Each structure stands twice: as C-alpha cells, then as structure tokens.
Amino acid sequence: MSTFRIQRTRKAPVALSQKTTTNTWRDIFDSMNKGHWFLVSKANYGKVSVAASKYIKGNYRLYKHPSRKYCYVFLKKA
C-alpha cells in the first residue's frame, strides 16, 4: 500500500461542490395544502408520479386533463 500517502499534518482541501440537502419535490409537496393543484406535461409525468409516490404516499391524484392533450393534473387530496 505504498501508493497512498496519508496526510496527518495538513488540512484536507475544500470541496469544489457540495451536495445540497434540500429536496425540490419535498419542498413543493410540503407547500401544497388540500385542494391545491398544478398542471404536468407528458414529459414530466413520470418524474412527478415517482416523486409523489415517494413523498406523499397516496394523498394525491394524478389524472389526464379533460380538455388539454398531453397534459395531466396533479391534485393534493390531504
């Protein structure tokens, strides 16, 4: 293991980027109350569906918009 030199006297370099601990989907769903809704495009349908099932577990409806083509409605139930 002579390939690695353990540094004991110097501080480690600062990372260029740090992982953010905020979660955009959780923030969006937490800001919504019962009856709030938004439109979802067909391209984003899968992302919204997976995030909703992970963070709000069944307290929502995601259904096809009655008049708009390739558009869905996300509605928070509780």
Protein backbone atom coordinates (compact mmCIF):
# COMPACT_ATOMS: atom_id res chain seq x y z
CA MET A 1 0.00 0.00 0.00
CA SER A 2 2.85 2.38 -0.67
CA THR A 3 0.72 4.07 -3.35
CA PHE A 4 -1.21 6.16 -0.80
CA ARG A 5 0.39 8.73 1.46
CA ILE A 6 -1.70 9.56 4.50
CA GLN A 7 -1.59 13.27 5.33
CA ARG A 8 -1.57 13.85 9.05
CA THR A 9 -0.24 17.39 9.33
CA ARG A 10 -2.14 19.33 6.65
CA LYS A 11 -5.84 20.11 6.39
CA ALA A 12 -7.84 18.49 3.62
CA PRO A 13 -8.63 20.68 0.58
CA VAL A 14 -12.06 22.26 0.40
CA ALA A 15 -14.51 20.52 -1.94
CA LEU A 16 -15.43 22.43 -5.09
CA SER A 17 -19.09 21.48 -4.88
CA GLN A 18 -21.16 20.19 -2.03
CA LYS A 19 -24.29 18.13 -2.26
CA THR A 20 -27.33 20.15 -1.37
CA THR A 21 -29.54 18.73 1.33
CA THR A 22 -32.69 20.40 0.05
CA ASN A 23 -35.17 18.37 -1.91
CA THR A 24 -37.15 20.28 -4.51
CA TRP A 25 -40.04 17.83 -4.74
CA ARG A 26 -40.45 17.59 -0.97
CA ASP A 27 -40.46 21.40 -0.74
CA ILE A 28 -43.12 21.63 -3.46
CA PHE A 29 -45.38 19.00 -1.90
CA ASP A 30 -44.97 20.41 1.62
CA SER A 31 -46.00 23.87 0.41
CA MET A 32 -49.26 22.49 -1.00
CA ASN A 33 -52.47 22.20 1.01
CA LYS A 34 -55.56 20.12 0.38
CA GLY A 35 -57.15 21.09 -2.93
CA HIS A 36 -54.05 22.72 -4.42
CA TRP A 37 -53.12 21.51 -7.89
CA PHE A 38 -50.80 22.09 -10.83
CA LEU A 39 -50.52 21.01 -14.46
CA VAL A 40 -47.99 18.39 -15.52
CA SER A 41 -46.71 17.92 -19.06
CA LYS A 42 -46.45 14.45 -20.54
CA ALA A 43 -42.64 14.72 -20.46
CA ASN A 44 -42.66 15.30 -16.69
CA TYR A 45 -45.43 12.83 -15.84
CA GLY A 46 -43.05 10.05 -14.77
CA LYS A 47 -40.91 12.33 -12.59
CA VAL A 48 -43.91 13.78 -10.78
CA SER A 49 -45.51 10.37 -10.33
CA VAL A 50 -42.40 8.81 -8.77
CA ALA A 51 -41.73 11.81 -6.51
CA ALA A 52 -45.34 11.94 -5.32
CA SER A 53 -45.45 8.24 -4.53
CA LYS A 54 -42.23 8.61 -2.54
CA TYR A 55 -43.02 11.77 -0.56
CA ILE A 56 -46.80 11.94 -0.11
CA LYS A 57 -47.79 8.28 -0.47
CA GLY A 58 -51.32 8.18 -1.85
CA ASN A 59 -52.56 11.60 -0.72
CA TYR A 60 -52.77 12.84 -4.30
CA ARG A 61 -54.48 12.29 -7.65
CA LEU A 62 -52.69 12.44 -10.99
CA TYR A 63 -55.12 12.27 -13.87
CA LYS A 64 -55.42 13.26 -17.52
CA HIS A 65 -56.66 16.79 -18.17
CA PRO A 66 -60.19 16.69 -19.62
CA SER A 67 -59.57 19.12 -22.49
CA ARG A 68 -55.80 19.54 -22.96
CA LYS A 69 -53.93 16.95 -24.96
CA TYR A 70 -50.69 15.56 -23.40
CA CYS A 71 -51.38 17.30 -20.10
CA TYR A 72 -52.14 15.95 -16.63
CA VAL A 73 -53.49 17.43 -13.40
CA PHE A 74 -51.78 16.81 -10.05
CA LEU A 75 -54.19 17.35 -7.13
CA LYS A 76 -53.28 17.02 -3.46
CA LYS A 77 -56.05 15.24 -1.54
CA ALA A 78 -54.98 15.62 2.09
